[in-house]
Amino acid sequence: MGARKRNKANQVKEANKTTSIAKLNNCPTSPRKMRKVSDMIRGVGVFKALGILQFSPQDASRRLEKLLKSAIANWEAKNSGERPEDNNLVVKEIQVDSARSLKRIQPAPQGRAHRIKKRSNHVTLIVDSLN
C-alpha cells in the first residue's frame, strides 16, 4: 500500500470513530409509512428523537425507537469510557429502502382474485457526535 492510500485510509478511520451504524432488514412495514416516521427524526438530537418516537402513535415508530437504541449502544461500544449525553449525538442519516414484497391473493366476487403486495423495507441509521 502506498503512502497516499495509507494516509487516506487513516483519515477515513479517524472520521468513522465518531459515527455508529445500525441496520434493520426486512421490516414488515411499507417503506412509505416508515419514511413518514423517519423524516421526523432526521437531523435531530438522539435523546429528543427517542422522545419523539416514544410518543408517536405509528407502529413504525416502535421499530425505529428500538433501532435508535441499538445505534446508541453501538456508539457506546465503539467509544468506551465516553457517555452519549456528553457528546451531543445526532441522527446524522436515516435511509429507508424498499425490500422484497410478498405477493398474496385476496378473493373477490364472481370467482375473481385481487393481488395484494405486502411490502417490507430496510432501514439504515447513522448516529454521529457534533464536536
N, C-alpha and C. Protein backbone atom coordinates (compact mmCIF):
# COMPACT_ATOMS: atom_id res chain seq x y z
N MET A 1 0.85 -1.18 0.00
CA MET A 1 0.00 0.00 0.00
C MET A 1 0.89 1.23 0.00
N GLY A 2 0.55 2.17 -0.88
CA GLY A 2 1.33 3.40 -0.99
C GLY A 2 1.04 4.35 0.16
N ALA A 3 1.87 5.37 0.25
CA ALA A 3 1.75 6.33 1.36
C ALA A 3 0.45 7.12 1.27
N ARG A 4 0.08 7.55 0.07
CA ARG A 4 -1.16 8.33 -0.07
C ARG A 4 -2.38 7.50 0.31
N LYS A 5 -2.38 6.24 -0.12
CA LYS A 5 -3.51 5.37 0.18
C LYS A 5 -3.60 5.10 1.68
N ARG A 6 -2.45 4.90 2.32
CA ARG A 6 -2.42 4.65 3.76
C ARG A 6 -2.89 5.87 4.53
N ASN A 7 -2.45 7.06 4.11
CA ASN A 7 -2.88 8.29 4.78
C ASN A 7 -4.38 8.51 4.63
N LYS A 8 -4.90 8.26 3.44
CA LYS A 8 -6.34 8.40 3.21
C LYS A 8 -7.13 7.41 4.05
N ALA A 9 -6.62 6.17 4.15
CA ALA A 9 -7.29 5.15 4.95
C ALA A 9 -7.31 5.54 6.42
N ASN A 10 -6.22 6.12 6.90
CA ASN A 10 -6.17 6.57 8.29
C ASN A 10 -7.13 7.74 8.53
N GLN A 11 -7.27 8.63 7.56
CA GLN A 11 -8.22 9.75 7.70
C GLN A 11 -9.65 9.23 7.77
N VAL A 12 -9.98 8.27 6.93
CA VAL A 12 -11.32 7.70 6.93
C VAL A 12 -11.59 6.98 8.25
N LYS A 13 -10.58 6.26 8.75
CA LYS A 13 -10.72 5.56 10.01
C LYS A 13 -10.96 6.52 11.17
N GLU A 14 -10.24 7.65 11.19
CA GLU A 14 -10.43 8.65 12.23
C GLU A 14 -11.82 9.30 12.14
N ALA A 15 -12.28 9.53 10.91
CA ALA A 15 -13.61 10.13 10.73
C ALA A 15 -14.71 9.18 11.18
N ASN A 16 -14.51 7.86 11.01
CA ASN A 16 -15.53 6.89 11.38
C ASN A 16 -15.55 6.57 12.87
N LYS A 17 -14.60 7.09 13.64
CA LYS A 17 -14.59 6.81 15.08
C LYS A 17 -15.78 7.44 15.79
N THR A 18 -16.27 8.56 15.28
CA THR A 18 -17.38 9.23 15.94
C THR A 18 -18.74 8.74 15.47
N THR A 19 -18.79 8.00 14.35
CA THR A 19 -20.08 7.55 13.82
C THR A 19 -20.38 6.13 14.24
N SER A 20 -21.67 5.82 14.25
CA SER A 20 -22.12 4.48 14.57
C SER A 20 -23.31 4.14 13.67
N ILE A 21 -23.38 2.90 13.22
CA ILE A 21 -24.40 2.48 12.26
C ILE A 21 -25.24 1.35 12.86
N ALA A 22 -26.54 1.40 12.59
CA ALA A 22 -27.44 0.29 12.94
C ALA A 22 -28.35 0.04 11.74
N LYS A 23 -28.62 -1.23 11.46
CA LYS A 23 -29.44 -1.59 10.31
C LYS A 23 -30.60 -2.46 10.74
N LEU A 24 -31.72 -2.28 10.07
CA LEU A 24 -32.91 -3.10 10.27
C LEU A 24 -33.32 -3.62 8.90
N ASN A 25 -33.23 -4.92 8.71
CA ASN A 25 -33.53 -5.51 7.41
C ASN A 25 -34.85 -6.27 7.44
N ASN A 26 -35.55 -6.25 6.31
CA ASN A 26 -36.81 -6.97 6.11
C ASN A 26 -37.85 -6.63 7.17
N CYS A 27 -38.01 -5.35 7.44
CA CYS A 27 -39.02 -4.89 8.39
C CYS A 27 -40.38 -4.94 7.70
N PRO A 28 -41.38 -5.61 8.27
CA PRO A 28 -42.66 -5.79 7.58
C PRO A 28 -43.58 -4.58 7.65
N THR A 29 -43.07 -3.42 7.31
CA THR A 29 -43.85 -2.19 7.22
C THR A 29 -43.59 -1.60 5.85
N SER A 30 -44.57 -0.95 5.28
CA SER A 30 -44.34 -0.38 3.95
C SER A 30 -43.33 0.76 4.04
N PRO A 31 -42.50 0.93 3.03
CA PRO A 31 -41.48 1.97 3.06
C PRO A 31 -42.08 3.38 3.18
N ARG A 32 -43.24 3.58 2.61
CA ARG A 32 -43.88 4.90 2.66
C ARG A 32 -44.23 5.29 4.09
N LYS A 33 -44.76 4.34 4.87
CA LYS A 33 -45.11 4.61 6.26
C LYS A 33 -43.85 4.80 7.11
N MET A 34 -42.81 4.03 6.81
CA MET A 34 -41.57 4.15 7.57
C MET A 34 -40.88 5.47 7.28
N ARG A 35 -40.91 5.93 6.03
CA ARG A 35 -40.29 7.21 5.68
C ARG A 35 -40.98 8.37 6.38
N LYS A 36 -42.28 8.27 6.55
CA LYS A 36 -43.03 9.33 7.23
C LYS A 36 -42.53 9.51 8.66
N VAL A 37 -42.23 8.41 9.34
CA VAL A 37 -41.74 8.47 10.72
C VAL A 37 -40.26 8.86 10.74
N SER A 38 -39.48 8.34 9.79
CA SER A 38 -38.05 8.62 9.79
C SER A 38 -37.75 10.08 9.48
N ASP A 39 -38.61 10.74 8.71
CA ASP A 39 -38.41 12.16 8.41
C ASP A 39 -38.55 13.03 9.66
N MET A 40 -39.29 12.53 10.65
CA MET A 40 -39.48 13.31 11.89
C MET A 40 -38.19 13.40 12.70
N ILE A 41 -37.33 12.38 12.61
CA ILE A 41 -36.15 12.36 13.48
C ILE A 41 -34.84 12.64 12.76
N ARG A 42 -34.88 12.84 11.45
CA ARG A 42 -33.65 13.10 10.70
C ARG A 42 -33.04 14.43 11.13
N GLY A 43 -31.76 14.41 11.54
CA GLY A 43 -31.05 15.62 11.92
C GLY A 43 -31.33 16.10 13.33
N VAL A 44 -32.07 15.34 14.11
CA VAL A 44 -32.45 15.73 15.47
C VAL A 44 -31.49 15.06 16.46
N GLY A 45 -31.34 15.64 17.63
CA GLY A 45 -30.54 15.03 18.68
C GLY A 45 -31.11 13.67 19.06
N VAL A 46 -30.25 12.79 19.52
CA VAL A 46 -30.63 11.40 19.76
C VAL A 46 -31.70 11.29 20.85
N PHE A 47 -31.54 12.01 21.93
CA PHE A 47 -32.47 11.86 23.05
C PHE A 47 -33.80 12.55 22.76
N LYS A 48 -33.76 13.62 21.99
CA LYS A 48 -35.00 14.25 21.54
C LYS A 48 -35.73 13.32 20.56
N ALA A 49 -34.97 12.64 19.69
CA ALA A 49 -35.56 11.69 18.74
C ALA A 49 -36.21 10.52 19.47
N LEU A 50 -35.57 10.05 20.55
CA LEU A 50 -36.17 8.97 21.34
C LEU A 50 -37.50 9.41 21.93
N GLY A 51 -37.57 10.66 22.40
CA GLY A 51 -38.82 11.18 22.93
C GLY A 51 -39.90 11.29 21.86
N ILE A 52 -39.51 11.74 20.67
CA ILE A 52 -40.47 11.85 19.57
C ILE A 52 -41.02 10.48 19.21
N LEU A 53 -40.14 9.50 19.11
CA LEU A 53 -40.57 8.15 18.72
C LEU A 53 -41.40 7.49 19.81
N GLN A 54 -41.08 7.77 21.05
CA GLN A 54 -41.78 7.14 22.16
C GLN A 54 -43.24 7.57 22.20
N PHE A 55 -43.52 8.84 21.86
CA PHE A 55 -44.88 9.35 21.95
C PHE A 55 -45.58 9.45 20.60
N SER A 56 -45.00 8.85 19.59
CA SER A 56 -45.61 8.83 18.27
C SER A 56 -46.55 7.63 18.16
N PRO A 57 -47.76 7.80 17.63
CA PRO A 57 -48.73 6.70 17.61
C PRO A 57 -48.50 5.66 16.51
N GLN A 58 -47.64 5.94 15.53
CA GLN A 58 -47.44 4.99 14.43
C GLN A 58 -46.73 3.73 14.90
N ASP A 59 -47.05 2.62 14.24
CA ASP A 59 -46.41 1.35 14.57
C ASP A 59 -44.94 1.36 14.17
N ALA A 60 -44.61 2.07 13.10
CA ALA A 60 -43.22 2.12 12.62
C ALA A 60 -42.31 2.82 13.64
N SER A 61 -42.88 3.68 14.48
CA SER A 61 -42.05 4.40 15.45
C SER A 61 -41.48 3.46 16.51
N ARG A 62 -42.19 2.39 16.84
CA ARG A 62 -41.67 1.42 17.82
C ARG A 62 -40.42 0.73 17.26
N ARG A 63 -40.47 0.38 16.00
CA ARG A 63 -39.32 -0.30 15.38
C ARG A 63 -38.13 0.65 15.26
N LEU A 64 -38.40 1.91 14.90
CA LEU A 64 -37.31 2.88 14.79
C LEU A 64 -36.72 3.23 16.15
N GLU A 65 -37.55 3.24 17.18
CA GLU A 65 -37.05 3.50 18.53
C GLU A 65 -36.06 2.43 18.96
N LYS A 66 -36.40 1.18 18.69
CA LYS A 66 -35.51 0.07 19.01
C LYS A 66 -34.21 0.16 18.21
N LEU A 67 -34.32 0.54 16.93
CA LEU A 67 -33.14 0.68 16.08
C LEU A 67 -32.24 1.82 16.58
N LEU A 68 -32.84 2.92 17.00
CA LEU A 68 -32.06 4.05 17.51
C LEU A 68 -31.34 3.69 18.81
N LYS A 69 -31.99 2.94 19.67
CA LYS A 69 -31.33 2.47 20.90
C LYS A 69 -30.16 1.56 20.56
N SER A 70 -30.31 0.76 19.52
CA SER A 70 -29.21 -0.11 19.08
C SER A 70 -28.04 0.71 18.57
N ALA A 71 -28.33 1.77 17.81
CA ALA A 71 -27.25 2.63 17.29
C ALA A 71 -26.52 3.33 18.43
N ILE A 72 -27.25 3.74 19.47
CA ILE A 72 -26.62 4.38 20.64
C ILE A 72 -25.72 3.37 21.35
N ALA A 73 -26.21 2.14 21.49
CA ALA A 73 -25.41 1.10 22.14
C ALA A 73 -24.16 0.78 21.32
N ASN A 74 -24.27 0.79 19.98
CA ASN A 74 -23.11 0.58 19.13
C ASN A 74 -22.10 1.71 19.30
N TRP A 75 -22.59 2.94 19.43
CA TRP A 75 -21.69 4.08 19.64
C TRP A 75 -20.97 3.95 20.98
N GLU A 76 -21.70 3.53 22.02
CA GLU A 76 -21.08 3.35 23.34
C GLU A 76 -20.00 2.26 23.30
N ALA A 77 -20.25 1.18 22.56
CA ALA A 77 -19.27 0.09 22.46
C ALA A 77 -18.03 0.55 21.70
N LYS A 78 -18.24 1.40 20.70
CA LYS A 78 -17.12 1.88 19.89
C LYS A 78 -16.28 2.90 20.66
N ASN A 79 -16.93 3.75 21.45
CA ASN A 79 -16.25 4.79 22.22
C ASN A 79 -16.35 4.47 23.70
N SER A 80 -15.65 3.44 24.12
CA SER A 80 -15.73 3.02 25.52
C SER A 80 -15.19 4.11 26.43
N GLY A 81 -15.86 4.30 27.54
CA GLY A 81 -15.43 5.30 28.50
C GLY A 81 -16.10 6.66 28.31
N GLU A 82 -16.81 6.85 27.21
CA GLU A 82 -17.49 8.12 26.96
C GLU A 82 -19.00 7.93 27.10
N ARG A 83 -19.68 9.00 27.52
CA ARG A 83 -21.12 8.94 27.69
C ARG A 83 -21.80 9.64 26.51
N PRO A 84 -22.90 9.08 26.00
CA PRO A 84 -23.58 9.72 24.87
C PRO A 84 -24.21 11.06 25.25
N GLU A 85 -24.54 11.25 26.52
CA GLU A 85 -25.15 12.52 26.96
C GLU A 85 -24.17 13.69 26.82
N ASP A 86 -22.87 13.40 26.95
CA ASP A 86 -21.87 14.46 26.93
C ASP A 86 -21.39 14.80 25.52
N ASN A 87 -21.71 13.99 24.52
CA ASN A 87 -21.13 14.17 23.19
C ASN A 87 -22.08 14.69 22.13
N ASN A 88 -23.27 15.15 22.50
CA ASN A 88 -24.22 15.73 21.54
C ASN A 88 -24.44 14.82 20.33
N LEU A 89 -24.92 13.62 20.57
CA LEU A 89 -25.19 12.69 19.48
C LEU A 89 -26.40 13.14 18.66
N VAL A 90 -26.29 12.99 17.34
CA VAL A 90 -27.33 13.42 16.41
C VAL A 90 -27.60 12.29 15.42
N VAL A 91 -28.85 12.17 14.99
CA VAL A 91 -29.19 11.24 13.92
C VAL A 91 -28.71 11.90 12.63
N LYS A 92 -27.53 11.49 12.19
CA LYS A 92 -26.90 12.13 11.03
C LYS A 92 -27.61 11.75 9.74
N GLU A 93 -27.91 10.48 9.59
CA GLU A 93 -28.51 10.00 8.35
C GLU A 93 -29.43 8.84 8.66
N ILE A 94 -30.60 8.83 8.03
CA ILE A 94 -31.51 7.70 8.14
C ILE A 94 -32.05 7.44 6.74
N GLN A 95 -31.94 6.20 6.30
CA GLN A 95 -32.28 5.85 4.94
C GLN A 95 -33.23 4.66 4.95
N VAL A 96 -34.35 4.79 4.23
CA VAL A 96 -35.34 3.73 4.14
C VAL A 96 -35.41 3.25 2.69
N ASP A 97 -35.08 1.99 2.47
CA ASP A 97 -35.13 1.40 1.14
C ASP A 97 -36.18 0.29 1.13
N SER A 98 -36.76 0.07 -0.02
CA SER A 98 -37.76 -0.99 -0.11
C SER A 98 -37.06 -2.35 -0.18
N ALA A 99 -37.69 -3.33 0.42
CA ALA A 99 -37.18 -4.70 0.39
C ALA A 99 -38.14 -5.53 -0.46
N ARG A 100 -38.12 -6.82 -0.31
CA ARG A 100 -38.98 -7.66 -1.13
C ARG A 100 -40.45 -7.46 -0.75
N SER A 101 -41.31 -7.73 -1.71
CA SER A 101 -42.74 -7.66 -1.48
C SER A 101 -43.31 -9.07 -1.55
N LEU A 102 -44.13 -9.41 -0.57
CA LEU A 102 -44.81 -10.70 -0.59
C LEU A 102 -46.09 -10.54 -1.40
N LYS A 103 -46.29 -11.39 -2.39
CA LYS A 103 -47.48 -11.30 -3.22
C LYS A 103 -48.53 -12.27 -2.69
N ARG A 104 -49.70 -11.75 -2.38
CA ARG A 104 -50.80 -12.54 -1.85
C ARG A 104 -52.03 -12.33 -2.72
N ILE A 105 -53.01 -13.21 -2.56
CA ILE A 105 -54.24 -13.12 -3.34
C ILE A 105 -55.42 -12.94 -2.40
N GLN A 106 -56.26 -11.94 -2.70
CA GLN A 106 -57.48 -11.66 -1.94
C GLN A 106 -58.67 -12.15 -2.78
N PRO A 107 -59.50 -13.02 -2.24
CA PRO A 107 -60.67 -13.45 -3.01
C PRO A 107 -61.59 -12.28 -3.33
N ALA A 108 -62.14 -12.29 -4.53
CA ALA A 108 -63.03 -11.22 -4.97
C ALA A 108 -64.32 -11.85 -5.48
N PRO A 109 -65.36 -11.05 -5.70
CA PRO A 109 -66.63 -11.61 -6.14
C PRO A 109 -66.56 -12.27 -7.52
N GLN A 110 -67.47 -13.19 -7.75
CA GLN A 110 -67.65 -13.88 -9.03
C GLN A 110 -66.41 -14.65 -9.47
N GLY A 111 -65.72 -15.26 -8.52
CA GLY A 111 -64.59 -16.13 -8.82
C GLY A 111 -63.31 -15.42 -9.20
N ARG A 112 -63.27 -14.13 -9.04
CA ARG A 112 -62.05 -13.38 -9.37
C ARG A 112 -61.13 -13.31 -8.16
N ALA A 113 -59.95 -12.72 -8.39
CA ALA A 113 -58.99 -12.55 -7.29
C ALA A 113 -58.22 -11.25 -7.50
N HIS A 114 -57.92 -10.58 -6.42
CA HIS A 114 -57.12 -9.35 -6.48
C HIS A 114 -55.75 -9.65 -5.90
N ARG A 115 -54.70 -9.06 -6.52
CA ARG A 115 -53.33 -9.21 -6.00
C ARG A 115 -53.13 -8.21 -4.87
N ILE A 116 -52.47 -8.65 -3.81
CA ILE A 116 -52.09 -7.78 -2.70
C ILE A 116 -50.59 -7.87 -2.54
N LYS A 117 -49.92 -6.72 -2.46
CA LYS A 117 -48.47 -6.68 -2.22
C LYS A 117 -48.24 -6.30 -0.78
N LYS A 118 -47.67 -7.20 -0.01
CA LYS A 118 -47.29 -6.89 1.37
C LYS A 118 -45.85 -6.42 1.33
N ARG A 119 -45.66 -5.13 1.46
CA ARG A 119 -44.34 -4.54 1.29
C ARG A 119 -43.52 -4.61 2.58
N SER A 120 -42.20 -4.58 2.42
CA SER A 120 -41.29 -4.52 3.56
C SER A 120 -40.14 -3.59 3.20
N ASN A 121 -39.30 -3.26 4.18
CA ASN A 121 -38.24 -2.28 3.92
C ASN A 121 -36.98 -2.59 4.70
N HIS A 122 -35.90 -1.91 4.31
CA HIS A 122 -34.62 -1.92 5.01
C HIS A 122 -34.37 -0.51 5.53
N VAL A 123 -33.93 -0.38 6.77
CA VAL A 123 -33.64 0.93 7.35
C VAL A 123 -32.18 0.95 7.80
N THR A 124 -31.46 2.01 7.43
CA THR A 124 -30.08 2.22 7.87
C THR A 124 -30.04 3.54 8.62
N LEU A 125 -29.53 3.50 9.86
CA LEU A 125 -29.50 4.68 10.71
C LEU A 125 -28.04 4.95 11.13
N ILE A 126 -27.58 6.19 10.93
CA ILE A 126 -26.23 6.56 11.29
C ILE A 126 -26.28 7.66 12.35
N VAL A 127 -25.58 7.41 13.46
CA VAL A 127 -25.51 8.36 14.58
C VAL A 127 -24.11 8.93 14.63
N ASP A 128 -24.01 10.25 14.82
CA ASP A 128 -22.71 10.93 14.83
C ASP A 128 -22.70 11.95 15.96
N SER A 129 -21.53 12.25 16.48
CA SER A 129 -21.41 13.28 17.52
C SER A 129 -21.06 14.62 16.89
N LEU A 130 -21.60 15.67 17.47
CA LEU A 130 -21.36 17.03 16.96
C LEU A 130 -20.26 17.71 17.79
N ASN A 131 -19.05 17.36 17.56
CA ASN A 131 -17.92 18.02 18.28
C ASN A 131 -17.07 18.81 17.35
